[in-house]
Amino acid sequence: MSEAREKVPVSWQEIKRDSAALAEKLKKEFDVLPARILAVSRGGLIPAALVTRALGIKDIETIGLESYNGQDQDETISIIKNANPEYLENSLVIDDLVDSGKTYAFLRERTRNCILATLYAKPLGIPYTDCYVRSFAQESWVDFPWEV
């Protein structure tokens, strides 16, 4: 059992606002954005859908990864659903949160020329992402509206 962590609730309105902010930040920080998105499921599905709409990108694929057991991070990452291999190159990868950076390190080893972006980042995860909107304390638990 993990120690109780401070829960930081994030509302649907914040998700919409921060997804739009991520799209704008990506446009400003990168000269050219990939024409397709790879969403990390499950948490990255909603942010990816909102970012694709904001950027006008219609080509989207998913990769299913699992690294949590409740609020505890597992030592290994399990692939629940493989992505079409063409999406592992020259894609914009979207997730909801980079925590320890383990998932994005895993993806970096398997992708080429991808931009890894996320709505939220914690200090240990920041070096693994190319773009994020907000940061949270490492010891906090970001409570997303879809985790009800």
Protein backbone atom coordinates (compact mmCIF):
# COMPACT_ATOMS: atom_id res chain seq x y z
CA MET A 1 0.00 0.00 0.00
CA SER A 2 1.37 3.42 -0.90
CA GLU A 3 1.58 6.35 1.45
CA ALA A 4 -1.31 8.78 1.10
CA ARG A 5 -0.38 11.59 -1.25
CA GLU A 6 -1.95 15.01 -1.54
CA LYS A 7 -4.57 14.88 -4.28
CA VAL A 8 -4.60 17.80 -6.67
CA PRO A 9 -7.90 17.77 -8.57
CA VAL A 10 -7.93 18.95 -12.18
CA SER A 11 -11.32 19.87 -13.66
CA TRP A 12 -12.69 19.26 -17.15
CA GLN A 13 -12.50 23.01 -17.70
CA GLU A 14 -8.79 23.00 -16.81
CA ILE A 15 -8.18 20.07 -19.17
CA LYS A 16 -9.83 21.99 -22.02
CA ARG A 17 -7.93 25.19 -21.20
CA ASP A 18 -4.58 23.44 -20.76
CA SER A 19 -4.99 21.37 -23.93
CA ALA A 20 -5.57 24.57 -25.91
CA ALA A 21 -2.54 26.11 -24.19
CA LEU A 22 -0.43 23.05 -25.08
CA ALA A 23 -1.43 23.36 -28.75
CA GLU A 24 -0.48 27.07 -28.75
CA LYS A 25 2.82 26.38 -26.98
CA LEU A 26 3.68 23.64 -29.48
CA LYS A 27 3.00 26.01 -32.40
CA LYS A 28 5.27 28.66 -30.85
CA GLU A 29 8.13 26.36 -29.79
CA PHE A 30 8.46 24.18 -32.90
CA ASP A 31 8.97 25.41 -36.46
CA VAL A 32 7.29 22.35 -37.91
CA LEU A 33 4.94 20.00 -36.12
CA PRO A 34 4.37 16.40 -37.16
CA ALA A 35 1.23 15.77 -39.22
CA ARG A 36 0.12 12.96 -36.94
CA ILE A 37 -0.41 12.30 -33.27
CA LEU A 38 0.34 9.27 -31.14
CA ALA A 39 -1.85 9.33 -28.03
CA VAL A 40 -0.68 7.44 -24.95
CA SER A 41 -3.70 5.65 -23.58
CA ARG A 42 -5.49 5.88 -21.42
CA GLY A 43 -4.66 9.24 -19.86
CA GLY A 44 -3.50 10.88 -23.07
CA LEU A 45 -6.65 10.12 -25.07
CA ILE A 46 -8.66 13.18 -24.10
CA PRO A 47 -5.77 15.69 -24.25
CA ALA A 48 -4.74 14.21 -27.63
CA ALA A 49 -8.28 14.60 -29.00
CA LEU A 50 -8.37 18.24 -27.88
CA VAL A 51 -4.88 19.00 -29.20
CA THR A 52 -5.59 17.36 -32.57
CA ARG A 53 -8.64 19.56 -32.98
CA ALA A 54 -6.76 22.72 -31.95
CA LEU A 55 -3.90 21.96 -34.35
CA GLY A 56 -6.10 20.72 -37.20
CA ILE A 57 -4.44 17.30 -37.20
CA LYS A 58 -6.73 14.44 -38.18
CA ASP A 59 -4.26 11.56 -38.25
CA ILE A 60 -4.19 9.95 -34.81
CA GLU A 61 -3.10 6.59 -33.41
CA THR A 62 -2.86 5.19 -29.89
CA ILE A 63 -0.32 3.23 -27.92
CA GLY A 64 -1.46 1.61 -24.69
CA LEU A 65 1.09 1.61 -21.89
CA GLU A 66 0.66 0.74 -18.24
CA SER A 67 3.03 1.76 -15.47
CA TYR A 68 0.70 2.31 -12.52
CA ASN A 69 -1.03 0.01 -10.08
CA GLY A 70 -3.40 2.39 -8.30
CA GLN A 71 -1.18 5.23 -7.07
CA ASP A 72 1.97 3.08 -7.14
CA GLN A 73 4.29 3.02 -10.14
CA ASP A 74 5.31 -0.43 -11.29
CA GLU A 75 8.96 -1.17 -12.02
CA THR A 76 8.18 -2.21 -15.58
CA ILE A 77 6.07 -0.77 -18.34
CA SER A 78 3.59 -3.06 -20.02
CA ILE A 79 2.48 -2.56 -23.61
CA ILE A 80 -1.26 -3.10 -23.65
CA LYS A 81 -1.71 -2.01 -27.27
CA ASN A 82 1.06 -1.55 -29.81
CA ALA A 83 0.90 1.40 -32.16
CA ASN A 84 1.12 1.03 -35.90
CA PRO A 85 4.93 1.14 -36.43
CA GLU A 86 4.77 4.15 -38.76
CA TYR A 87 3.53 6.26 -35.83
CA LEU A 88 6.71 5.54 -33.88
CA GLU A 89 8.48 7.98 -36.19
CA ASN A 90 7.77 11.65 -36.91
CA SER A 91 4.73 11.93 -34.64
CA LEU A 92 3.57 14.24 -31.90
CA VAL A 93 3.21 12.06 -28.80
CA ILE A 94 0.61 13.29 -26.28
CA ASP A 95 -0.01 12.16 -22.71
CA ASP A 96 -1.74 13.70 -19.71
CA LEU A 97 1.18 13.65 -17.24
CA VAL A 98 4.87 12.85 -17.09
CA ASP A 99 5.60 11.79 -13.51
CA SER A 100 8.94 10.02 -13.04
CA GLY A 101 9.72 10.14 -16.76
CA LYS A 102 9.84 6.35 -17.02
CA THR A 103 7.07 6.11 -19.63
CA TYR A 104 8.58 8.84 -21.80
CA ALA A 105 12.06 7.29 -21.46
CA PHE A 106 10.49 4.02 -22.64
CA LEU A 107 8.90 5.84 -25.60
CA ARG A 108 12.12 7.70 -26.48
CA GLU A 109 13.88 4.35 -26.87
CA ARG A 110 11.18 3.17 -29.30
CA THR A 111 10.49 6.33 -31.32
CA ARG A 112 12.43 8.46 -33.80
CA ASN A 113 12.06 12.16 -34.53
CA CYS A 114 9.00 12.48 -32.28
CA ILE A 115 7.98 15.41 -30.12
CA LEU A 116 6.86 14.21 -26.68
CA ALA A 117 4.36 16.61 -25.14
CA THR A 118 2.13 16.45 -22.10
CA LEU A 119 -0.32 18.64 -20.27
CA TYR A 120 1.38 18.30 -16.90
CA ALA A 121 4.83 17.44 -15.59
CA LYS A 122 6.43 16.70 -12.26
CA PRO A 123 10.07 17.62 -11.56
CA LEU A 124 11.50 14.13 -12.21
CA GLY A 125 9.61 13.91 -15.51
CA ILE A 126 10.41 17.35 -16.92
CA PRO A 127 13.72 16.30 -18.57
CA TYR A 128 11.85 13.61 -20.55
CA THR A 129 9.27 15.85 -22.20
CA ASP A 130 9.72 18.38 -24.98
CA CYS A 131 6.73 20.52 -24.01
CA TYR A 132 4.30 20.80 -21.11
CA VAL A 133 1.86 23.37 -19.73
CA ARG A 134 1.86 23.11 -15.92
CA SER A 135 3.98 21.47 -13.26
CA PHE A 136 2.99 19.84 -9.99
CA ALA A 137 4.94 18.77 -6.91
CA GLN A 138 6.55 15.35 -7.27
CA GLU A 139 4.78 13.94 -4.22
CA SER A 140 1.29 15.05 -5.33
CA TRP A 141 -1.32 12.87 -7.03
CA VAL A 142 -2.94 14.66 -9.96
CA ASP A 143 -6.58 13.61 -9.84
CA PHE A 144 -8.01 13.69 -13.37
CA PRO A 145 -11.76 13.94 -13.98
CA TRP A 146 -11.79 10.65 -15.92
CA GLU A 147 -10.42 8.76 -12.91
CA VAL A 148 -13.77 8.87 -11.13
